[in-house]
Amino acid sequence: MQPVKKILYATDLSEDSRHALSYAFSLAQQYGAALHVLHVLPDVKQNYLTTSGLDFATVFDDATWRLFTPEQLVEAKHKVRERITGICSLEGLADTACMPVAENIEVAVGQPADVILERAPQFDMVVMGTQGHGRLAGLLLGSVTQKVVSRCPVPVLVVRLPEADHKV
């Protein structure tokens, strides 16, 4: 088995994903590994353009178009970082030897599976929850987890909520 020195924990901030955090942290402690947290914000403009084939600016008015500014994205990233830091603090995981939270949180923009797969080779393992959108949506829309598991060059630990907590 390869040594585990760096773990990538990918989160969509769902309950499944949050449950996976305790596994990621436990593994980081067990192996003395650094734990890196990644959350991917969807690129709303790109998703709209790609799926619809329409010119975004002609469909929405100027006021709506301006909502998607670089400043808005910076603010969204800041708020996500705060949420992740809060979750880690609530779980008692913040600022330990394995996880100095402030330095190890990345909020990226793009297609979640693609960004995770792009980052994965820099790590020895990926830990993530099953899916944040429920089973039916995952079947219909495709699953980030399925894509990562099927294409990831490093081992992936997929953590599922206990059956009693799992919502359909």
C-alpha atoms as a PDB file:
ATOM      1  CA  MET A   1       0.000   0.000   0.000  1.00  0.00           C
ATOM      2  CA  GLN A   2       1.200   3.487  -0.872  1.00  0.00           C
ATOM      3  CA  PRO A   3       1.857   5.836   2.055  1.00  0.00           C
ATOM      4  CA  VAL A   4      -0.962   8.305   2.712  1.00  0.00           C
ATOM      5  CA  LYS A   5       0.512  11.758   3.342  1.00  0.00           C
ATOM      6  CA  LYS A   6      -2.071  14.035   1.693  1.00  0.00           C
ATOM      7  CA  ILE A   7      -5.846  13.523   1.691  1.00  0.00           C
ATOM      8  CA  LEU A   8      -8.334  15.464  -0.418  1.00  0.00           C
ATOM      9  CA  TYR A   9     -11.756  15.784   1.197  1.00  0.00           C
ATOM     10  CA  ALA A  10     -14.296  16.952  -1.394  1.00  0.00           C
ATOM     11  CA  THR A  11     -17.484  18.445   0.013  1.00  0.00           C
ATOM     12  CA  ASP A  12     -20.712  19.775  -1.428  1.00  0.00           C
ATOM     13  CA  LEU A  13     -21.758  20.789   2.119  1.00  0.00           C
ATOM     14  CA  SER A  14     -24.566  18.186   2.164  1.00  0.00           C
ATOM     15  CA  GLU A  15     -25.260  15.877   5.113  1.00  0.00           C
ATOM     16  CA  ASP A  16     -23.632  12.957   3.240  1.00  0.00           C
ATOM     17  CA  SER A  17     -20.568  15.052   2.653  1.00  0.00           C
ATOM     18  CA  ARG A  18     -20.477  16.314   6.225  1.00  0.00           C
ATOM     19  CA  HIS A  19     -20.639  12.740   7.512  1.00  0.00           C
ATOM     20  CA  ALA A  20     -17.624  11.912   5.323  1.00  0.00           C
ATOM     21  CA  LEU A  21     -15.610  14.649   7.061  1.00  0.00           C
ATOM     22  CA  SER A  22     -15.224  12.561  10.215  1.00  0.00           C
ATOM     23  CA  TYR A  23     -13.775   9.719   8.117  1.00  0.00           C
ATOM     24  CA  ALA A  24     -11.398  12.065   6.316  1.00  0.00           C
ATOM     25  CA  PHE A  25     -10.225  13.554   9.583  1.00  0.00           C
ATOM     26  CA  SER A  26      -9.831  10.154  11.234  1.00  0.00           C
ATOM     27  CA  LEU A  27      -7.732   8.890   8.326  1.00  0.00           C
ATOM     28  CA  ALA A  28      -5.610  12.033   8.397  1.00  0.00           C
ATOM     29  CA  GLN A  29      -4.949  11.499  12.102  1.00  0.00           C
ATOM     30  CA  GLN A  30      -4.228   7.792  11.667  1.00  0.00           C
ATOM     31  CA  TYR A  31      -1.708   8.368   8.868  1.00  0.00           C
ATOM     32  CA  GLY A  32      -0.370  11.711  10.078  1.00  0.00           C
ATOM     33  CA  ALA A  33      -1.531  13.094   6.725  1.00  0.00           C
ATOM     34  CA  ALA A  34      -2.393  16.635   5.702  1.00  0.00           C
ATOM     35  CA  LEU A  35      -6.100  17.113   5.039  1.00  0.00           C
ATOM     36  CA  HIS A  36      -7.137  19.469   2.225  1.00  0.00           C
ATOM     37  CA  VAL A  37     -10.795  20.533   1.899  1.00  0.00           C
ATOM     38  CA  LEU A  38     -12.220  21.250  -1.557  1.00  0.00           C
ATOM     39  CA  HIS A  39     -15.636  22.693  -2.401  1.00  0.00           C
ATOM     40  CA  VAL A  40     -16.561  23.440  -6.007  1.00  0.00           C
ATOM     41  CA  LEU A  41     -19.047  26.170  -6.809  1.00  0.00           C
ATOM     42  CA  PRO A  42     -20.811  25.501 -10.093  1.00  0.00           C
ATOM     43  CA  ASP A  43     -19.975  27.954 -12.861  1.00  0.00           C
ATOM     44  CA  VAL A  44     -23.523  29.247 -13.363  1.00  0.00           C
ATOM     45  CA  LYS A  45     -22.786  31.188 -16.526  1.00  0.00           C
ATOM     46  CA  GLN A  46     -20.906  28.344 -18.161  1.00  0.00           C
ATOM     47  CA  ASN A  47     -23.532  25.759 -17.162  1.00  0.00           C
ATOM     48  CA  TYR A  48     -26.278  27.887 -18.658  1.00  0.00           C
ATOM     49  CA  LEU A  49     -24.420  28.550 -21.880  1.00  0.00           C
ATOM     50  CA  THR A  50     -23.350  24.942 -22.302  1.00  0.00           C
ATOM     51  CA  THR A  51     -26.712  23.330 -21.604  1.00  0.00           C
ATOM     52  CA  SER A  52     -28.972  25.794 -23.389  1.00  0.00           C
ATOM     53  CA  GLY A  53     -26.876  26.929 -26.311  1.00  0.00           C
ATOM     54  CA  LEU A  54     -28.280  30.431 -25.800  1.00  0.00           C
ATOM     55  CA  ASP A  55     -26.447  33.685 -25.312  1.00  0.00           C
ATOM     56  CA  PHE A  56     -26.786  34.384 -21.587  1.00  0.00           C
ATOM     57  CA  ALA A  57     -26.725  38.165 -22.048  1.00  0.00           C
ATOM     58  CA  THR A  58     -29.671  38.144 -24.451  1.00  0.00           C
ATOM     59  CA  VAL A  59     -31.855  35.980 -22.188  1.00  0.00           C
ATOM     60  CA  PHE A  60     -31.408  37.946 -18.962  1.00  0.00           C
ATOM     61  CA  ASP A  61     -31.698  41.667 -18.385  1.00  0.00           C
ATOM     62  CA  ASP A  62     -28.724  43.851 -17.420  1.00  0.00           C
ATOM     63  CA  ALA A  63     -29.541  43.763 -13.687  1.00  0.00           C
ATOM     64  CA  THR A  64     -29.539  39.951 -13.624  1.00  0.00           C
ATOM     65  CA  TRP A  65     -26.403  39.732 -15.756  1.00  0.00           C
ATOM     66  CA  ARG A  66     -24.562  42.003 -13.280  1.00  0.00           C
ATOM     67  CA  LEU A  67     -25.388  39.614 -10.418  1.00  0.00           C
ATOM     68  CA  PHE A  68     -22.732  37.279 -11.797  1.00  0.00           C
ATOM     69  CA  THR A  69     -19.752  39.556 -11.291  1.00  0.00           C
ATOM     70  CA  PRO A  70     -16.264  38.585 -10.156  1.00  0.00           C
ATOM     71  CA  GLU A  71     -16.953  40.400  -6.885  1.00  0.00           C
ATOM     72  CA  GLN A  72     -20.028  38.235  -6.291  1.00  0.00           C
ATOM     73  CA  LEU A  73     -17.930  35.140  -6.879  1.00  0.00           C
ATOM     74  CA  VAL A  74     -15.286  36.304  -4.395  1.00  0.00           C
ATOM     75  CA  GLU A  75     -18.026  36.903  -1.809  1.00  0.00           C
ATOM     76  CA  ALA A  76     -19.567  33.467  -2.466  1.00  0.00           C
ATOM     77  CA  LYS A  77     -16.163  31.803  -2.039  1.00  0.00           C
ATOM     78  CA  HIS A  78     -15.620  33.694   1.226  1.00  0.00           C
ATOM     79  CA  LYS A  79     -18.996  32.577   2.596  1.00  0.00           C
ATOM     80  CA  VAL A  80     -18.339  28.943   1.658  1.00  0.00           C
ATOM     81  CA  ARG A  81     -14.937  29.081   3.389  1.00  0.00           C
ATOM     82  CA  GLU A  82     -16.666  30.440   6.507  1.00  0.00           C
ATOM     83  CA  ARG A  83     -19.238  27.614   6.403  1.00  0.00           C
ATOM     84  CA  ILE A  84     -16.532  24.971   6.072  1.00  0.00           C
ATOM     85  CA  THR A  85     -14.529  26.501   8.914  1.00  0.00           C
ATOM     86  CA  GLY A  86     -17.687  26.532  11.032  1.00  0.00           C
ATOM     87  CA  ILE A  87     -18.461  22.894  10.260  1.00  0.00           C
ATOM     88  CA  CYS A  88     -14.910  21.877  11.152  1.00  0.00           C
ATOM     89  CA  SER A  89     -15.130  23.827  14.403  1.00  0.00           C
ATOM     90  CA  LEU A  90     -18.472  22.241  15.299  1.00  0.00           C
ATOM     91  CA  GLU A  91     -17.019  18.805  14.640  1.00  0.00           C
ATOM     92  CA  GLY A  92     -14.002  19.647  16.805  1.00  0.00           C
ATOM     93  CA  LEU A  93     -11.633  19.257  13.869  1.00  0.00           C
ATOM     94  CA  ALA A  94     -10.376  22.782  13.361  1.00  0.00           C
ATOM     95  CA  ASP A  95      -6.769  23.808  13.844  1.00  0.00           C
ATOM     96  CA  THR A  96      -5.337  20.451  14.809  1.00  0.00           C
ATOM     97  CA  ALA A  97      -2.014  19.091  13.629  1.00  0.00           C
ATOM     98  CA  CYS A  98      -3.669  17.460  10.596  1.00  0.00           C
ATOM     99  CA  MET A  99      -5.962  20.291   9.657  1.00  0.00           C
ATOM    100  CA  PRO A 100      -5.019  23.900  10.110  1.00  0.00           C
ATOM    101  CA  VAL A 101      -8.336  24.942   8.578  1.00  0.00           C
ATOM    102  CA  ALA A 102      -7.428  28.360   7.208  1.00  0.00           C
ATOM    103  CA  GLU A 103      -4.630  27.095   4.956  1.00  0.00           C
ATOM    104  CA  ASN A 104      -6.276  23.899   3.755  1.00  0.00           C
ATOM    105  CA  ILE A 105      -9.607  25.050   2.335  1.00  0.00           C
ATOM    106  CA  GLU A 106      -9.985  25.590  -1.388  1.00  0.00           C
ATOM    107  CA  VAL A 107     -13.154  26.925  -2.997  1.00  0.00           C
ATOM    108  CA  ALA A 108     -12.990  26.472  -6.752  1.00  0.00           C
ATOM    109  CA  VAL A 109     -15.413  27.192  -9.592  1.00  0.00           C
ATOM    110  CA  GLY A 110     -16.305  24.707 -12.316  1.00  0.00           C
ATOM    111  CA  GLN A 111     -17.831  21.285 -12.810  1.00  0.00           C
ATOM    112  CA  PRO A 112     -17.372  19.538  -9.424  1.00  0.00           C
ATOM    113  CA  ALA A 113     -16.240  16.135 -10.734  1.00  0.00           C
ATOM    114  CA  ASP A 114     -13.844  17.710 -13.220  1.00  0.00           C
ATOM    115  CA  VAL A 115     -12.233  19.930 -10.582  1.00  0.00           C
ATOM    116  CA  ILE A 116     -11.908  17.046  -8.113  1.00  0.00           C
ATOM    117  CA  LEU A 117     -10.328  14.863 -10.797  1.00  0.00           C
ATOM    118  CA  GLU A 118      -7.971  17.693 -11.762  1.00  0.00           C
ATOM    119  CA  ARG A 119      -6.771  18.066  -8.147  1.00  0.00           C
ATOM    120  CA  ALA A 120      -6.701  14.345  -7.237  1.00  0.00           C
ATOM    121  CA  PRO A 121      -3.211  13.482  -8.618  1.00  0.00           C
ATOM    122  CA  GLN A 122      -1.703  15.874  -6.049  1.00  0.00           C
ATOM    123  CA  PHE A 123      -3.085  13.661  -3.246  1.00  0.00           C
ATOM    124  CA  ASP A 124      -2.756  10.086  -2.048  1.00  0.00           C
ATOM    125  CA  MET A 125      -6.487   9.606  -1.458  1.00  0.00           C
ATOM    126  CA  VAL A 126      -9.865  11.295  -1.981  1.00  0.00           C
ATOM    127  CA  VAL A 127     -12.667  11.142   0.590  1.00  0.00           C
ATOM    128  CA  MET A 128     -16.204  12.233  -0.271  1.00  0.00           C
ATOM    129  CA  GLY A 129     -19.861  11.599   0.528  1.00  0.00           C
ATOM    130  CA  THR A 130     -22.157   9.725  -1.812  1.00  0.00           C
ATOM    131  CA  GLN A 131     -24.270  12.495  -3.272  1.00  0.00           C
ATOM    132  CA  GLY A 132     -25.904  15.635  -2.037  1.00  0.00           C
ATOM    133  CA  HIS A 133     -28.934  15.692  -4.299  1.00  0.00           C
ATOM    134  CA  GLY A 134     -30.707  12.475  -3.326  1.00  0.00           C
ATOM    135  CA  ARG A 135     -30.774   9.135  -5.100  1.00  0.00           C
ATOM    136  CA  LEU A 136     -33.310   9.959  -7.804  1.00  0.00           C
ATOM    137  CA  ALA A 137     -31.584  13.168  -8.943  1.00  0.00           C
ATOM    138  CA  GLY A 138     -28.248  11.339  -8.905  1.00  0.00           C
ATOM    139  CA  LEU A 139     -29.643   8.712 -11.252  1.00  0.00           C
ATOM    140  CA  LEU A 140     -31.181  11.267 -13.584  1.00  0.00           C
ATOM    141  CA  LEU A 141     -28.414  13.859 -13.633  1.00  0.00           C
ATOM    142  CA  GLY A 142     -25.373  11.666 -13.192  1.00  0.00           C
ATOM    143  CA  SER A 143     -23.373  11.561 -10.017  1.00  0.00           C
ATOM    144  CA  VAL A 144     -20.248  13.511  -9.198  1.00  0.00           C
ATOM    145  CA  THR A 145     -19.214  10.618  -6.989  1.00  0.00           C
ATOM    146  CA  GLN A 146     -19.689   8.056  -9.757  1.00  0.00           C
ATOM    147  CA  LYS A 147     -17.596  10.094 -12.168  1.00  0.00           C
ATOM    148  CA  VAL A 148     -14.827  10.601  -9.615  1.00  0.00           C
ATOM    149  CA  VAL A 149     -14.752   6.926  -8.597  1.00  0.00           C
ATOM    150  CA  SER A 150     -14.654   5.723 -12.191  1.00  0.00           C
ATOM    151  CA  ARG A 151     -11.884   8.095 -13.334  1.00  0.00           C
ATOM    152  CA  CYS A 152      -9.797   8.966 -10.289  1.00  0.00           C
ATOM    153  CA  PRO A 153      -6.106   8.005 -10.439  1.00  0.00           C
ATOM    154  CA  VAL A 154      -5.888   7.643  -6.629  1.00  0.00           C
ATOM    155  CA  PRO A 155      -8.008   5.623  -4.186  1.00  0.00           C
ATOM    156  CA  VAL A 156     -11.419   7.114  -3.334  1.00  0.00           C
ATOM    157  CA  LEU A 157     -13.250   6.472  -0.082  1.00  0.00           C
ATOM    158  CA  VAL A 158     -16.977   7.046  -0.560  1.00  0.00           C
ATOM    159  CA  VAL A 159     -18.826   7.518   2.718  1.00  0.00           C
ATOM    160  CA  ARG A 160     -22.549   7.067   2.871  1.00  0.00           C
ATOM    161  CA  LEU A 161     -24.873   8.331   5.589  1.00  0.00           C
ATOM    162  CA  PRO A 162     -26.032   5.570   7.935  1.00  0.00           C
ATOM    163  CA  GLU A 163     -29.284   4.067   6.574  1.00  0.00           C
ATOM    164  CA  ALA A 164     -31.402   5.640   9.316  1.00  0.00           C
ATOM    165  CA  ASP A 165     -30.174   9.113   8.304  1.00  0.00           C
ATOM    166  CA  HIS A 166     -30.400   8.602   4.539  1.00  0.00           C
ATOM    167  CA  LYS A 167     -33.206  10.489   2.837  1.00  0.00           C
ATOM    168  CA  VAL A 168     -34.568   9.362  -0.524  1.00  0.00           C
END
